[in-house]
Structure formats: C-alpha cells, structure tokens
C-alpha atoms as a PDB file:
ATOM      1  CA  MET A   1      19.447 103.287  48.520  1.00  0.00           C
ATOM      2  CA  SER A   2      20.423 100.578  46.478  1.00  0.00           C
ATOM      3  CA  GLU A   3      18.458  97.701  44.882  1.00  0.00           C
ATOM      4  CA  PRO A   4      18.743  94.339  46.337  1.00  0.00           C
ATOM      5  CA  HIS A   5      20.609  92.207  44.261  1.00  0.00           C
ATOM      6  CA  ARG A   6      18.682  89.378  42.107  1.00  0.00           C
ATOM      7  CA  PRO A   7      20.166  86.354  41.351  1.00  0.00           C
ATOM      8  CA  LEU A   8      21.231  86.375  37.725  1.00  0.00           C
ATOM      9  CA  ASP A   9      19.479  84.346  35.011  1.00  0.00           C
ATOM     10  CA  PRO A  10      22.264  81.909  34.417  1.00  0.00           C
ATOM     11  CA  SER A  11      20.996  81.752  30.844  1.00  0.00           C
ATOM     12  CA  ILE A  12      22.143  85.478  30.446  1.00  0.00           C
ATOM     13  CA  ASP A  13      25.050  85.250  33.092  1.00  0.00           C
ATOM     14  CA  PRO A  14      28.153  86.180  31.151  1.00  0.00           C
ATOM     15  CA  THR A  15      30.428  84.203  33.540  1.00  0.00           C
ATOM     16  CA  ALA A  16      28.331  81.131  33.033  1.00  0.00           C
ATOM     17  CA  LYS A  17      30.159  78.657  31.102  1.00  0.00           C
ATOM     18  CA  THR A  18      28.630  77.627  27.704  1.00  0.00           C
ATOM     19  CA  PRO A  19      28.923  74.223  26.323  1.00  0.00           C
ATOM     20  CA  SER A  20      31.660  74.245  23.769  1.00  0.00           C
ATOM     21  CA  SER A  21      31.944  71.880  20.583  1.00  0.00           C
ATOM     22  CA  SER A  22      34.339  69.902  22.481  1.00  0.00           C
ATOM     23  CA  ALA A  23      32.159  69.178  25.273  1.00  0.00           C
ATOM     24  CA  VAL A  24      31.283  65.298  25.467  1.00  0.00           C
ATOM     25  CA  ASP A  25      27.456  64.586  24.945  1.00  0.00           C
ATOM     26  CA  THR A  26      26.738  61.292  27.279  1.00  0.00           C
ATOM     27  CA  ASN A  27      24.321  60.337  25.004  1.00  0.00           C
ATOM     28  CA  LYS A  28      26.526  59.987  22.076  1.00  0.00           C
ATOM     29  CA  VAL A  29      29.286  58.197  23.736  1.00  0.00           C
ATOM     30  CA  SER A  30      30.555  55.287  21.704  1.00  0.00           C
ATOM     31  CA  GLN A  31      30.416  52.118  23.906  1.00  0.00           C
ATOM     32  CA  PRO A  32      32.170  48.799  23.860  1.00  0.00           C
ATOM     33  CA  ALA A  33      29.967  46.202  21.615  1.00  0.00           C
ATOM     34  CA  MET A  34      29.192  44.096  24.681  1.00  0.00           C
ATOM     35  CA  PHE A  35      27.143  47.259  25.901  1.00  0.00           C
ATOM     36  CA  SER A  36      25.688  48.082  22.570  1.00  0.00           C
ATOM     37  CA  ASN A  37      21.970  47.885  21.885  1.00  0.00           C
ATOM     38  CA  LYS A  38      20.810  44.068  21.233  1.00  0.00           C
ATOM     39  CA  PRO A  39      18.950  43.921  17.560  1.00  0.00           C
ATOM     40  CA  PRO A  40      15.296  43.490  18.365  1.00  0.00           C
ATOM     41  CA  GLU A  41      14.236  40.172  19.191  1.00  0.00           C
ATOM     42  CA  GLY A  42      11.422  38.430  16.930  1.00  0.00           C
ATOM     43  CA  GLY A  43      12.297  40.099  13.826  1.00  0.00           C
ATOM     44  CA  GLY A  44      10.760  37.362  11.885  1.00  0.00           C
ATOM     45  CA  THR A  45      11.997  34.461   9.985  1.00  0.00           C
ATOM     46  CA  PRO A  46      13.207  34.694   6.415  1.00  0.00           C
ATOM     47  CA  ILE A  47      10.899  33.363   3.854  1.00  0.00           C
ATOM     48  CA  ALA A  48      13.632  31.132   2.276  1.00  0.00           C
ATOM     49  CA  VAL A  49      13.533  29.238   5.743  1.00  0.00           C
ATOM     50  CA  TRP A  50       9.744  28.955   5.710  1.00  0.00           C
ATOM     51  CA  GLY A  51      10.025  27.611   1.785  1.00  0.00           C
ATOM     52  CA  VAL A  52      12.532  25.109   2.747  1.00  0.00           C
ATOM     53  CA  ALA A  53      10.520  23.860   5.805  1.00  0.00           C
ATOM     54  CA  GLY A  54       7.554  23.658   3.647  1.00  0.00           C
ATOM     55  CA  LEU A  55       9.309  21.595   0.735  1.00  0.00           C
ATOM     56  CA  ALA A  56      10.736  19.244   3.540  1.00  0.00           C
ATOM     57  CA  VAL A  57       7.197  18.616   4.862  1.00  0.00           C
ATOM     58  CA  LEU A  58       5.878  18.448   1.352  1.00  0.00           C
ATOM     59  CA  ALA A  59       8.650  15.608   0.761  1.00  0.00           C
ATOM     60  CA  VAL A  60       7.595  13.952   4.004  1.00  0.00           C
ATOM     61  CA  VAL A  61       3.824  13.670   3.062  1.00  0.00           C
ATOM     62  CA  ILE A  62       4.870  12.462  -0.639  1.00  0.00           C
ATOM     63  CA  GLY A  63       6.964   9.995   0.597  1.00  0.00           C
ATOM     64  CA  LEU A  64       4.245   8.596   3.018  1.00  0.00           C
ATOM     65  CA  LEU A  65       1.597   8.399   0.489  1.00  0.00           C
ATOM     66  CA  PHE A  66       3.782   6.311  -1.848  1.00  0.00           C
ATOM     67  CA  ALA A  67       4.915   4.134   1.076  1.00  0.00           C
ATOM     68  CA  THR A  68       1.380   3.220   1.921  1.00  0.00           C
ATOM     69  CA  ARG A  69      -0.095   3.265  -1.446  1.00  0.00           C
ATOM     70  CA  HIS A  70      -0.910  -0.647  -2.017  1.00  0.00           C
ATOM     71  CA  LYS A  71      -3.836  -2.220  -3.916  1.00  0.00           C
ATOM     72  CA  PRO A  72      -6.691  -2.954  -1.932  1.00  0.00           C
ATOM     73  CA  GLN A  73      -6.978  -6.100  -0.117  1.00  0.00           C
ATOM     74  CA  LEU A  74      -9.768  -8.412  -1.449  1.00  0.00           C
ATOM     75  CA  PRO A  75     -11.880 -10.520   0.911  1.00  0.00           C
ATOM     76  CA  PRO A  76     -10.197 -13.868   1.577  1.00  0.00           C
ATOM     77  CA  ASN A  77     -12.483 -15.987  -0.305  1.00  0.00           C
ATOM     78  CA  THR A  78     -12.696 -13.894  -3.551  1.00  0.00           C
ATOM     79  CA  ILE A  79     -11.835 -15.871  -6.679  1.00  0.00           C
ATOM     80  CA  GLN A  80      -9.669 -13.543  -8.659  1.00  0.00           C
ATOM     81  CA  PRO A  81      -9.339 -13.692 -12.670  1.00  0.00           C
ATOM     82  CA  LEU A  82      -6.734 -15.977 -14.172  1.00  0.00           C
ATOM     83  CA  ALA A  83      -3.348 -14.035 -15.124  1.00  0.00           C
ATOM     84  CA  ALA A  84      -2.688 -13.111 -18.559  1.00  0.00           C
ATOM     85  CA  TYR A  85       0.196 -15.581 -19.014  1.00  0.00           C
ATOM     86  CA  ALA A  86      -1.723 -18.478 -17.225  1.00  0.00           C
ATOM     87  CA  ALA A  87      -2.615 -19.812 -20.725  1.00  0.00           C
ATOM     88  CA  ASP A  88       1.158 -20.526 -21.534  1.00  0.00           C
ATOM     89  CA  LEU A  89       1.437 -22.377 -18.158  1.00  0.00           C
ATOM     90  CA  SER A  90       0.145 -25.864 -18.087  1.00  0.00           C
ATOM     91  CA  LEU A  91      -0.641 -27.774 -14.883  1.00  0.00           C
ATOM     92  CA  THR A  92      -0.745 -31.503 -15.340  1.00  0.00           C
ATOM     93  CA  GLN A  93      -0.297 -34.824 -12.866  1.00  0.00           C
ATOM     94  CA  LEU A  94      -1.995 -33.239 -10.056  1.00  0.00           C
ATOM     95  CA  ALA A  95      -1.872 -35.578  -7.225  1.00  0.00           C
ATOM     96  CA  MET A  96      -3.025 -35.047  -3.395  1.00  0.00           C
ATOM     97  CA  SER A  97      -1.285 -36.590  -0.191  1.00  0.00           C
ATOM     98  CA  GLU A  98      -1.055 -35.862   3.237  1.00  0.00           C
ATOM     99  CA  SER A  99       1.373 -36.305   6.196  1.00  0.00           C
ATOM    100  CA  THR A 100       1.368 -36.128  10.098  1.00  0.00           C
ATOM    101  CA  SER A 101       3.968 -34.600  12.096  1.00  0.00           C
ATOM    102  CA  LEU A 102       5.346 -35.811  15.389  1.00  0.00           C
ATOM    103  CA  SER A 103       3.358 -33.382  17.264  1.00  0.00           C
ATOM    104  CA  GLY A 104       0.233 -34.412  15.543  1.00  0.00           C
ATOM    105  CA  GLY A 105      -0.081 -31.663  13.380  1.00  0.00           C
ATOM    106  CA  LYS A 106      -1.339 -32.467   9.405  1.00  0.00           C
ATOM    107  CA  SER A 107      -0.251 -31.148   6.341  1.00  0.00           C
ATOM    108  CA  THR A 108      -1.813 -31.734   2.962  1.00  0.00           C
ATOM    109  CA  PHE A 109       0.065 -31.552  -0.343  1.00  0.00           C
ATOM    110  CA  ILE A 110      -0.832 -31.072  -3.931  1.00  0.00           C
ATOM    111  CA  ASP A 111       1.985 -32.082  -6.225  1.00  0.00           C
ATOM    112  CA  GLY A 112       1.756 -31.545 -10.080  1.00  0.00           C
ATOM    113  CA  HIS A 113       3.807 -30.466 -12.967  1.00  0.00           C
ATOM    114  CA  ILE A 114       4.124 -27.122 -14.457  1.00  0.00           C
ATOM    115  CA  GLN A 115       5.510 -26.313 -18.097  1.00  0.00           C
ATOM    116  CA  ASN A 116       6.105 -22.861 -19.583  1.00  0.00           C
ATOM    117  CA  THR A 117       5.041 -23.357 -23.282  1.00  0.00           C
ATOM    118  CA  GLY A 118       5.178 -19.363 -23.773  1.00  0.00           C
ATOM    119  CA  SER A 119       7.837 -17.105 -24.801  1.00  0.00           C
ATOM    120  CA  GLN A 120       8.953 -15.294 -21.625  1.00  0.00           C
ATOM    121  CA  THR A 121      10.673 -16.566 -18.532  1.00  0.00           C
ATOM    122  CA  VAL A 122       8.689 -17.186 -15.628  1.00  0.00           C
ATOM    123  CA  SER A 123      10.036 -15.733 -12.378  1.00  0.00           C
ATOM    124  CA  GLY A 124       6.903 -16.148 -10.002  1.00  0.00           C
ATOM    125  CA  VAL A 125       3.671 -17.922  -9.925  1.00  0.00           C
ATOM    126  CA  THR A 126       0.773 -17.481  -7.304  1.00  0.00           C
ATOM    127  CA  VAL A 127      -2.132 -19.663  -7.398  1.00  0.00           C
ATOM    128  CA  GLN A 128      -5.606 -19.976  -6.005  1.00  0.00           C
ATOM    129  CA  VAL A 129      -6.734 -23.192  -4.779  1.00  0.00           C
ATOM    130  CA  LEU A 130     -10.424 -23.913  -4.518  1.00  0.00           C
ATOM    131  CA  PHE A 131     -11.513 -26.458  -1.975  1.00  0.00           C
ATOM    132  CA  ARG A 132     -15.491 -26.993  -2.849  1.00  0.00           C
ATOM    133  CA  ASN A 133     -17.897 -28.627  -0.682  1.00  0.00           C
ATOM    134  CA  ASP A 134     -21.283 -30.199  -1.265  1.00  0.00           C
ATOM    135  CA  GLU A 135     -23.312 -27.669   1.097  1.00  0.00           C
ATOM    136  CA  ALA A 136     -24.019 -25.255  -1.961  1.00  0.00           C
ATOM    137  CA  MET A 137     -21.813 -23.007   0.152  1.00  0.00           C
ATOM    138  CA  PRO A 138     -18.785 -20.792  -1.810  1.00  0.00           C
ATOM    139  CA  PRO A 139     -15.354 -22.948  -2.078  1.00  0.00           C
ATOM    140  CA  GLN A 140     -12.711 -22.222   0.605  1.00  0.00           C
ATOM    141  CA  VAL A 141      -9.915 -20.291  -1.297  1.00  0.00           C
ATOM    142  CA  GLU A 142      -6.483 -20.489  -0.469  1.00  0.00           C
ATOM    143  CA  THR A 143      -3.884 -18.217  -2.102  1.00  0.00           C
ATOM    144  CA  LEU A 144      -0.264 -19.019  -2.235  1.00  0.00           C
ATOM    145  CA  PRO A 145       2.815 -18.952  -4.345  1.00  0.00           C
ATOM    146  CA  LEU A 146       3.562 -21.944  -6.463  1.00  0.00           C
ATOM    147  CA  SER A 147       6.962 -23.826  -5.094  1.00  0.00           C
ATOM    148  CA  LEU A 148       9.012 -26.016  -7.174  1.00  0.00           C
ATOM    149  CA  ILE A 149      10.421 -29.339  -6.035  1.00  0.00           C
ATOM    150  CA  ARG A 150      14.230 -29.070  -5.907  1.00  0.00           C
ATOM    151  CA  THR A 151      15.170 -32.484  -4.449  1.00  0.00           C
ATOM    152  CA  ARG A 152      13.053 -35.904  -3.503  1.00  0.00           C
ATOM    153  CA  GLU A 153      15.714 -37.639  -1.446  1.00  0.00           C
ATOM    154  CA  PRO A 154      16.122 -37.862   1.262  1.00  0.00           C
ATOM    155  CA  TYR A 155      12.918 -35.838   1.659  1.00  0.00           C
ATOM    156  CA  ILE A 156      11.268 -33.599  -0.766  1.00  0.00           C
ATOM    157  CA  ASP A 157      12.521 -30.027  -0.607  1.00  0.00           C
ATOM    158  CA  THR A 158      11.067 -26.868  -2.277  1.00  0.00           C
ATOM    159  CA  GLN A 159      12.280 -23.630  -3.765  1.00  0.00           C
ATOM    160  CA  SER A 160      10.595 -20.512  -4.996  1.00  0.00           C
ATOM    161  CA  VAL A 161      10.053 -20.011  -8.785  1.00  0.00           C
ATOM    162  CA  GLU A 162      12.092 -16.783  -8.210  1.00  0.00           C
ATOM    163  CA  ALA A 163      15.288 -19.087  -7.349  1.00  0.00           C
ATOM    164  CA  SER A 164      14.756 -21.509 -10.423  1.00  0.00           C
ATOM    165  CA  PRO A 165      13.105 -19.504 -12.937  1.00  0.00           C
ATOM    166  CA  LEU A 166      11.199 -21.210 -15.850  1.00  0.00           C
ATOM    167  CA  LYS A 167      12.715 -20.343 -19.159  1.00  0.00           C
ATOM    168  CA  PRO A 168      10.230 -20.758 -22.224  1.00  0.00           C
ATOM    169  CA  GLY A 169       9.891 -24.705 -22.807  1.00  0.00           C
ATOM    170  CA  ASP A 170      11.117 -25.255 -19.298  1.00  0.00           C
ATOM    171  CA  GLU A 171       9.029 -28.057 -17.169  1.00  0.00           C
ATOM    172  CA  ARG A 172       9.321 -28.967 -13.357  1.00  0.00           C
ATOM    173  CA  ASP A 173       7.510 -30.508 -10.781  1.00  0.00           C
ATOM    174  CA  PHE A 174       5.905 -28.301  -8.044  1.00  0.00           C
ATOM    175  CA  ARG A 175       4.320 -28.754  -4.570  1.00  0.00           C
ATOM    176  CA  LEU A 176       1.609 -26.853  -2.733  1.00  0.00           C
ATOM    177  CA  ILE A 177       1.563 -27.178   0.940  1.00  0.00           C
ATOM    178  CA  PHE A 178      -1.571 -26.674   3.210  1.00  0.00           C
ATOM    179  CA  GLU A 179      -1.629 -26.822   7.125  1.00  0.00           C
ATOM    180  CA  SER A 180      -5.234 -26.716   7.325  1.00  0.00           C
ATOM    181  CA  ILE A 181      -8.075 -27.408   4.823  1.00  0.00           C
ATOM    182  CA  PRO A 182     -11.804 -26.830   5.393  1.00  0.00           C
ATOM    183  CA  ALA A 183     -13.585 -29.207   7.369  1.00  0.00           C
ATOM    184  CA  ASN A 184     -16.533 -29.330   4.852  1.00  0.00           C
ATOM    185  CA  TRP A 185     -14.417 -29.981   1.944  1.00  0.00           C
ATOM    186  CA  ASN A 186     -15.862 -32.628  -0.355  1.00  0.00           C
ATOM    187  CA  THR A 187     -12.342 -34.530  -0.680  1.00  0.00           C
ATOM    188  CA  GLN A 188     -12.330 -34.065  -4.528  1.00  0.00           C
ATOM    189  CA  MET A 189      -9.246 -32.499  -6.263  1.00  0.00           C
ATOM    190  CA  PRO A 190      -9.345 -28.875  -5.701  1.00  0.00           C
ATOM    191  CA  GLU A 191      -9.105 -26.538  -8.608  1.00  0.00           C
ATOM    192  CA  VAL A 192      -5.717 -24.841  -9.086  1.00  0.00           C
ATOM    193  CA  HIS A 193      -6.060 -21.435 -10.687  1.00  0.00           C
ATOM    194  CA  ILE A 194      -2.864 -19.321 -11.844  1.00  0.00           C
ATOM    195  CA  VAL A 195      -3.882 -16.009 -10.696  1.00  0.00           C
ATOM    196  CA  ARG A 196      -0.547 -13.905 -11.064  1.00  0.00           C
ATOM    197  CA  VAL A 197       2.685 -14.609 -12.957  1.00  0.00           C
ATOM    198  CA  GLU A 198       5.886 -12.587 -12.975  1.00  0.00           C
ATOM    199  CA  THR A 199       7.991 -12.479 -16.208  1.00  0.00           C
ATOM    200  CA  LYS A 200      11.187 -11.017 -17.079  1.00  0.00           C
END
C-alpha cells in the first residue's frame, strides 16, 4: 500500500521558480519625479533667515527710537534761561500796538529793533515774552519765533530770520504778533527774552 501524497513544501520543491537576479523588486522600482517622496515638511528655517529677520526688527526699533526722541516739553509757563548768543543780540525801540479785524478779533503787536553785535550769522531767534500782572501771580509766558519786518507799505509784512539771516553787524526791525493776551496783564511793556538762537 502506497503512502498518501503530501503536498510538497514549495521551499524545497525543485520545480518551484526561484527569484533570479533579474527579477524586479517592486519596492525598488524607480518612479517618476512627480511620484517621488516629498521632502519632509517643517524641516526648520535656516539660521541665516532668522538672523536677517532679527536685524530688520532691530533696525526698525532703533529707527523708531530716534524718530520719537526729543527734548522733554517744558510746562507752558516755564521761563527758560537766556541763549548763550543772546548777549550779542541787542533788542531796542520796543513799542506796542493792536488792531481789530473785520470779524472782531484783536491782535497785539510788539515792534522793535534787533542788531547782531556778535561774530556769527544768525538764522533763527526764539523769544519768550513775559506778560506780568499786579496780582502776585506768575507772569503769562508766550514763546514764539521772532519775525523780521520785510516791508511796511502798503501794510507791514514779516518774514522769518531764516529767510533773511542777520550777518555780523546787521540790524533790522522786527514784529511779534499775539492773537490773545492774558486778561490780568498789567498793561506794562512785557519783557522780551531771547531763549534760543540758531547760528551758522
């Protein structure tokens, strides 16, 4: 009696086909570029990019600091010290006048004469005018640029000192204009102090 046939183990079946070296491994088949694996996302930003961004932010911050840096504003009624060049600018012939516009507004003027007795050309003058009172209260202080009289006919026209600088020895007439003056002013001639001078 013959033994029943057992299925042969394919691993030892001599008729089973063994993979040859020319067989194709589907895992290693080269694929077109469009099907290739994508590079991993979120691989990190290069350090150089962070460095450039940091420098840009730093430049903006420094620019803002310089743009907003200014001298602290003094309270409106603070009397400032005289400018160093004030001793070389003589203010004389001070006179006051006023006028009323058609709309009823009133302007007050202080006219005078300025002479540059120093050795530098003056391109700007800022003055403080002190309106004192008889009530033992601090004076009202007005700070404004001094304007030179350019023409007197048919009306008085003014220009800035920068537009017509005062060379050494020059002298000109000037006018200060006030749209309002303090109600408690004692009507005496105000004091005019030169607190800032631009020279060149």
